[in-house]
C-alpha atoms as a PDB file:
ATOM      1  CA  UNK A   1     -83.918  -8.937   9.062  1.00  0.00           C
ATOM      2  CA  UNK A   2     -85.831 -10.844   6.838  1.00  0.00           C
ATOM      3  CA  UNK A   3     -84.042 -14.473   6.440  1.00  0.00           C
ATOM      4  CA  UNK A   4     -85.303 -16.327   3.739  1.00  0.00           C
ATOM      5  CA  UNK A   5     -82.658 -20.217   3.300  1.00  0.00           C
ATOM      6  CA  UNK A   6     -84.207 -21.828   0.399  1.00  0.00           C
ATOM      7  CA  UNK A   7     -82.630 -25.161  -0.415  1.00  0.00           C
ATOM      8  CA  UNK A   8     -81.502 -26.118  -3.690  1.00  0.00           C
ATOM      9  CA  UNK A   9     -83.529 -27.799  -6.008  1.00  0.00           C
ATOM     10  CA  UNK A  10     -83.030 -31.742  -7.152  1.00  0.00           C
ATOM     11  CA  UNK A  11     -80.006 -32.742  -8.890  1.00  0.00           C
ATOM     12  CA  UNK A  12     -78.277 -34.860 -10.901  1.00  0.00           C
ATOM     13  CA  UNK A  13     -76.745 -38.023  -8.755  1.00  0.00           C
ATOM     14  CA  UNK A  14     -72.998 -37.007 -10.863  1.00  0.00           C
ATOM     15  CA  UNK A  15     -71.989 -34.493 -13.341  1.00  0.00           C
ATOM     16  CA  UNK A  16     -70.348 -35.663 -16.378  1.00  0.00           C
ATOM     17  CA  UNK A  17     -67.453 -34.258 -15.456  1.00  0.00           C
ATOM     18  CA  UNK A  18     -67.150 -36.229 -11.902  1.00  0.00           C
ATOM     19  CA  UNK A  19     -67.616 -33.414 -10.138  1.00  0.00           C
ATOM     20  CA  UNK A  20     -69.622 -32.618  -7.082  1.00  0.00           C
ATOM     21  CA  UNK A  21     -69.644 -28.775  -7.778  1.00  0.00           C
ATOM     22  CA  UNK A  22     -70.626 -29.540 -11.352  1.00  0.00           C
ATOM     23  CA  UNK A  23     -73.123 -31.740 -10.352  1.00  0.00           C
ATOM     24  CA  UNK A  24     -76.865 -29.816 -11.896  1.00  0.00           C
ATOM     25  CA  UNK A  25     -80.905 -29.351 -11.357  1.00  0.00           C
ATOM     26  CA  UNK A  26     -83.075 -31.315 -13.059  1.00  0.00           C
ATOM     27  CA  UNK A  27     -85.743 -31.023 -14.952  1.00  0.00           C
ATOM     28  CA  UNK A  28     -87.541 -31.883 -12.214  1.00  0.00           C
ATOM     29  CA  UNK A  29     -85.716 -30.489  -9.984  1.00  0.00           C
ATOM     30  CA  UNK A  30     -86.859 -26.898 -11.789  1.00  0.00           C
ATOM     31  CA  UNK A  31     -89.477 -27.696 -11.731  1.00  0.00           C
ATOM     32  CA  UNK A  32     -90.846 -28.264  -8.053  1.00  0.00           C
ATOM     33  CA  UNK A  33     -88.815 -25.171  -7.248  1.00  0.00           C
ATOM     34  CA  UNK A  34     -90.641 -22.907  -9.279  1.00  0.00           C
ATOM     35  CA  UNK A  35     -93.798 -24.009  -7.795  1.00  0.00           C
ATOM     36  CA  UNK A  36     -92.476 -23.230  -4.049  1.00  0.00           C
ATOM     37  CA  UNK A  37     -91.024 -19.772  -5.685  1.00  0.00           C
ATOM     38  CA  UNK A  38     -94.129 -19.362  -6.994  1.00  0.00           C
ATOM     39  CA  UNK A  39     -96.369 -19.494  -3.910  1.00  0.00           C
ATOM     40  CA  UNK A  40     -93.454 -17.412  -2.754  1.00  0.00           C
ATOM     41  CA  UNK A  41     -93.865 -14.153  -4.967  1.00  0.00           C
ATOM     42  CA  UNK A  42     -97.739 -14.872  -4.885  1.00  0.00           C
ATOM     43  CA  UNK A  43     -96.760 -14.373  -0.052  1.00  0.00           C
ATOM     44  CA  UNK A  44     -94.986 -11.144  -0.715  1.00  0.00           C
ATOM     45  CA  UNK A  45     -91.288 -12.240  -0.866  1.00  0.00           C
ATOM     46  CA  UNK A  46     -89.031  -9.261  -2.419  1.00  0.00           C
ATOM     47  CA  UNK A  47     -85.344 -10.332  -1.165  1.00  0.00           C
ATOM     48  CA  UNK A  48     -83.083  -6.932  -1.712  1.00  0.00           C
ATOM     49  CA  UNK A  49     -80.117  -8.845  -1.898  1.00  0.00           C
ATOM     50  CA  UNK A  50     -79.794 -12.714  -3.375  1.00  0.00           C
ATOM     51  CA  UNK A  51     -76.521 -14.837  -1.725  1.00  0.00           C
ATOM     52  CA  UNK A  52     -75.249 -17.739  -3.250  1.00  0.00           C
ATOM     53  CA  UNK A  53     -73.097 -20.942  -2.582  1.00  0.00           C
ATOM     54  CA  UNK A  54     -70.678 -21.497  -5.761  1.00  0.00           C
ATOM     55  CA  UNK A  55     -71.674 -24.840  -6.474  1.00  0.00           C
ATOM     56  CA  UNK A  56     -73.658 -25.137  -9.826  1.00  0.00           C
ATOM     57  CA  UNK A  57     -76.307 -26.540  -8.220  1.00  0.00           C
ATOM     58  CA  UNK A  58     -77.408 -23.553  -5.927  1.00  0.00           C
ATOM     59  CA  UNK A  59     -76.530 -21.322  -8.409  1.00  0.00           C
ATOM     60  CA  UNK A  60     -79.468 -22.488 -10.744  1.00  0.00           C
ATOM     61  CA  UNK A  61     -81.428 -22.421  -7.652  1.00  0.00           C
ATOM     62  CA  UNK A  62     -80.820 -18.534  -7.383  1.00  0.00           C
ATOM     63  CA  UNK A  63     -80.872 -18.190 -11.360  1.00  0.00           C
ATOM     64  CA  UNK A  64     -84.296 -19.022 -11.091  1.00  0.00           C
ATOM     65  CA  UNK A  65     -85.982 -17.189  -7.500  1.00  0.00           C
ATOM     66  CA  UNK A  66     -84.544 -14.529  -9.225  1.00  0.00           C
ATOM     67  CA  UNK A  67     -86.893 -14.841 -11.831  1.00  0.00           C
ATOM     68  CA  UNK A  68     -89.855 -15.533  -9.828  1.00  0.00           C
ATOM     69  CA  UNK A  69     -89.574 -12.565  -7.376  1.00  0.00           C
ATOM     70  CA  UNK A  70     -88.013 -10.626 -10.121  1.00  0.00           C
ATOM     71  CA  UNK A  71     -85.178  -9.468  -8.602  1.00  0.00           C
ATOM     72  CA  UNK A  72     -83.231  -7.324 -10.042  1.00  0.00           C
ATOM     73  CA  UNK A  73     -79.575  -7.512  -9.374  1.00  0.00           C
ATOM     74  CA  UNK A  74     -76.586  -9.142  -8.963  1.00  0.00           C
ATOM     75  CA  UNK A  75     -76.574 -13.234  -6.954  1.00  0.00           C
ATOM     76  CA  UNK A  76     -73.324 -12.933  -5.045  1.00  0.00           C
ATOM     77  CA  UNK A  77     -71.684 -15.916  -4.421  1.00  0.00           C
ATOM     78  CA  UNK A  78     -69.910 -16.906  -1.619  1.00  0.00           C
ATOM     79  CA  UNK A  79     -68.377 -19.439   0.091  1.00  0.00           C
ATOM     80  CA  UNK A  80     -70.114 -19.343   3.369  1.00  0.00           C
ATOM     81  CA  UNK A  81     -72.590 -20.939   1.068  1.00  0.00           C
ATOM     82  CA  UNK A  82     -71.377 -23.990   0.581  1.00  0.00           C
ATOM     83  CA  UNK A  83     -72.883 -27.596   2.203  1.00  0.00           C
ATOM     84  CA  UNK A  84     -69.137 -28.085   4.943  1.00  0.00           C
ATOM     85  CA  UNK A  85     -69.464 -24.764   5.987  1.00  0.00           C
ATOM     86  CA  UNK A  86     -70.146 -23.782   9.436  1.00  0.00           C
ATOM     87  CA  UNK A  87     -72.872 -21.501  10.592  1.00  0.00           C
ATOM     88  CA  UNK A  88     -70.921 -18.715  12.090  1.00  0.00           C
ATOM     89  CA  UNK A  89     -69.756 -18.471   9.122  1.00  0.00           C
ATOM     90  CA  UNK A  90     -73.941 -17.866   7.613  1.00  0.00           C
ATOM     91  CA  UNK A  91     -73.677 -15.357  10.537  1.00  0.00           C
ATOM     92  CA  UNK A  92     -70.804 -13.264   9.748  1.00  0.00           C
ATOM     93  CA  UNK A  93     -71.578 -13.287   5.961  1.00  0.00           C
ATOM     94  CA  UNK A  94     -74.995 -11.854   6.911  1.00  0.00           C
ATOM     95  CA  UNK A  95     -73.870  -9.377   9.086  1.00  0.00           C
ATOM     96  CA  UNK A  96     -71.885  -8.292   6.448  1.00  0.00           C
ATOM     97  CA  UNK A  97     -74.475  -7.263   4.370  1.00  0.00           C
ATOM     98  CA  UNK A  98     -76.734  -6.313   7.774  1.00  0.00           C
ATOM     99  CA  UNK A  99     -77.680  -2.543   5.374  1.00  0.00           C
ATOM    100  CA  UNK A 100     -79.903  -5.294   3.633  1.00  0.00           C
ATOM    101  CA  UNK A 101     -83.858  -5.602   4.611  1.00  0.00           C
ATOM    102  CA  UNK A 102     -84.673  -9.237   2.970  1.00  0.00           C
ATOM    103  CA  UNK A 103     -80.989 -11.304   1.651  1.00  0.00           C
ATOM    104  CA  UNK A 104     -82.049 -14.552   0.495  1.00  0.00           C
ATOM    105  CA  UNK A 105     -79.306 -17.529   0.729  1.00  0.00           C
ATOM    106  CA  UNK A 106     -79.582 -20.481  -1.887  1.00  0.00           C
ATOM    107  CA  UNK A 107     -77.072 -23.769  -0.699  1.00  0.00           C
ATOM    108  CA  UNK A 108     -77.635 -26.761   0.806  1.00  0.00           C
ATOM    109  CA  UNK A 109     -77.723 -29.455   3.824  1.00  0.00           C
ATOM    110  CA  UNK A 110     -76.221 -29.957   5.820  1.00  0.00           C
ATOM    111  CA  UNK A 111     -75.357 -26.193   5.880  1.00  0.00           C
ATOM    112  CA  UNK A 112     -78.856 -25.182   6.744  1.00  0.00           C
ATOM    113  CA  UNK A 113     -80.585 -27.344   9.696  1.00  0.00           C
ATOM    114  CA  UNK A 114     -77.243 -26.479  11.484  1.00  0.00           C
ATOM    115  CA  UNK A 115     -77.327 -22.889  10.870  1.00  0.00           C
ATOM    116  CA  UNK A 116     -81.149 -22.779  11.219  1.00  0.00           C
ATOM    117  CA  UNK A 117     -81.348 -24.433  14.580  1.00  0.00           C
ATOM    118  CA  UNK A 118     -77.989 -22.484  16.044  1.00  0.00           C
ATOM    119  CA  UNK A 119     -80.118 -19.347  14.699  1.00  0.00           C
ATOM    120  CA  UNK A 120     -83.330 -20.560  16.855  1.00  0.00           C
ATOM    121  CA  UNK A 121     -80.959 -21.355  19.800  1.00  0.00           C
ATOM    122  CA  UNK A 122     -80.732 -24.680  19.725  1.00  0.00           C
ATOM    123  CA  UNK A 123     -77.755 -27.161  20.033  1.00  0.00           C
ATOM    124  CA  UNK A 124     -79.029 -29.852  17.695  1.00  0.00           C
ATOM    125  CA  UNK A 125     -80.472 -30.251  14.245  1.00  0.00           C
ATOM    126  CA  UNK A 126     -84.746 -29.729  14.578  1.00  0.00           C
ATOM    127  CA  UNK A 127     -85.373 -28.895  11.125  1.00  0.00           C
ATOM    128  CA  UNK A 128     -85.578 -31.810   8.369  1.00  0.00           C
ATOM    129  CA  UNK A 129     -84.805 -29.638   5.305  1.00  0.00           C
ATOM    130  CA  UNK A 130     -85.694 -30.625   1.659  1.00  0.00           C
ATOM    131  CA  UNK A 131     -84.506 -29.689  -1.353  1.00  0.00           C
ATOM    132  CA  UNK A 132     -86.895 -27.138  -2.723  1.00  0.00           C
ATOM    133  CA  UNK A 133     -87.526 -25.848   0.699  1.00  0.00           C
ATOM    134  CA  UNK A 134     -87.889 -21.692   1.736  1.00  0.00           C
ATOM    135  CA  UNK A 135     -87.829 -20.611   4.952  1.00  0.00           C
ATOM    136  CA  UNK A 136     -88.013 -17.717   6.329  1.00  0.00           C
ATOM    137  CA  UNK A 137     -87.072 -16.592   9.840  1.00  0.00           C
ATOM    138  CA  UNK A 138     -86.792 -13.019  10.949  1.00  0.00           C
ATOM    139  CA  UNK A 139     -84.310 -11.562  13.149  1.00  0.00           C
ATOM    140  CA  UNK A 140     -85.070  -7.652  15.343  1.00  0.00           C
ATOM    141  CA  UNK A 141     -81.335  -6.987  15.637  1.00  0.00           C
ATOM    142  CA  UNK A 142     -77.568  -8.212  13.560  1.00  0.00           C
ATOM    143  CA  UNK A 143     -75.699  -8.530  16.418  1.00  0.00           C
ATOM    144  CA  UNK A 144     -72.335 -11.168  17.297  1.00  0.00           C
ATOM    145  CA  UNK A 145     -75.084 -13.838  17.771  1.00  0.00           C
ATOM    146  CA  UNK A 146     -78.253 -14.720  15.933  1.00  0.00           C
ATOM    147  CA  UNK A 147     -81.417 -14.150  18.075  1.00  0.00           C
ATOM    148  CA  UNK A 148     -84.493 -15.105  15.411  1.00  0.00           C
ATOM    149  CA  UNK A 149     -87.625 -15.728  14.890  1.00  0.00           C
ATOM    150  CA  UNK A 150     -88.985 -18.813  12.839  1.00  0.00           C
ATOM    151  CA  UNK A 151     -92.037 -16.735  10.849  1.00  0.00           C
ATOM    152  CA  UNK A 152     -93.088 -20.300   8.508  1.00  0.00           C
ATOM    153  CA  UNK A 153     -90.984 -23.151   5.995  1.00  0.00           C
ATOM    154  CA  UNK A 154     -92.984 -23.925   2.244  1.00  0.00           C
ATOM    155  CA  UNK A 155     -91.385 -27.390   1.112  1.00  0.00           C
ATOM    156  CA  UNK A 156     -92.352 -28.196  -2.908  1.00  0.00           C
ATOM    157  CA  UNK A 157     -95.166 -30.902  -1.613  1.00  0.00           C
ATOM    158  CA  UNK A 158     -96.602 -27.651   0.530  1.00  0.00           C
ATOM    159  CA  UNK A 159     -96.761 -25.552  -2.524  1.00  0.00           C
ATOM    160  CA  UNK A 160     -98.594 -28.274  -4.736  1.00  0.00           C
ATOM    161  CA  UNK A 161    -101.887 -26.255  -6.057  1.00  0.00           C
END
């Protein structure tokens, strides 16, 4: 299975409602995110499923990814991808969709850096996950414990032409 981690783009500091869950992407955040996703599309990234945190900035990120990658399915929202979730919850969600060839996850920090480290066999964070960054990890099997192999990571800075 190909697993893609897409951290949400740059979001507003404060939503008009005052709720963190309502914070939206900024125009700059959308622009940088599109750069990363256009490069990913050129590289052949083609998720069979997109899962997103229910927070507004992650949903907007997933919608931009769906458009850029020509994804035709529904974007599934899951609490397993909220910022305060746990790596094991993310893995349980992935295992629930083990029939998929390629899953894109739209979510947050600190969850993604902790989950990636755990999936790569580390007990501490070892990845700086920038806003709008996209990472691919491959899994030969989707068993009880993840054993992934990092393939690549793309940031907005690297995707600038």
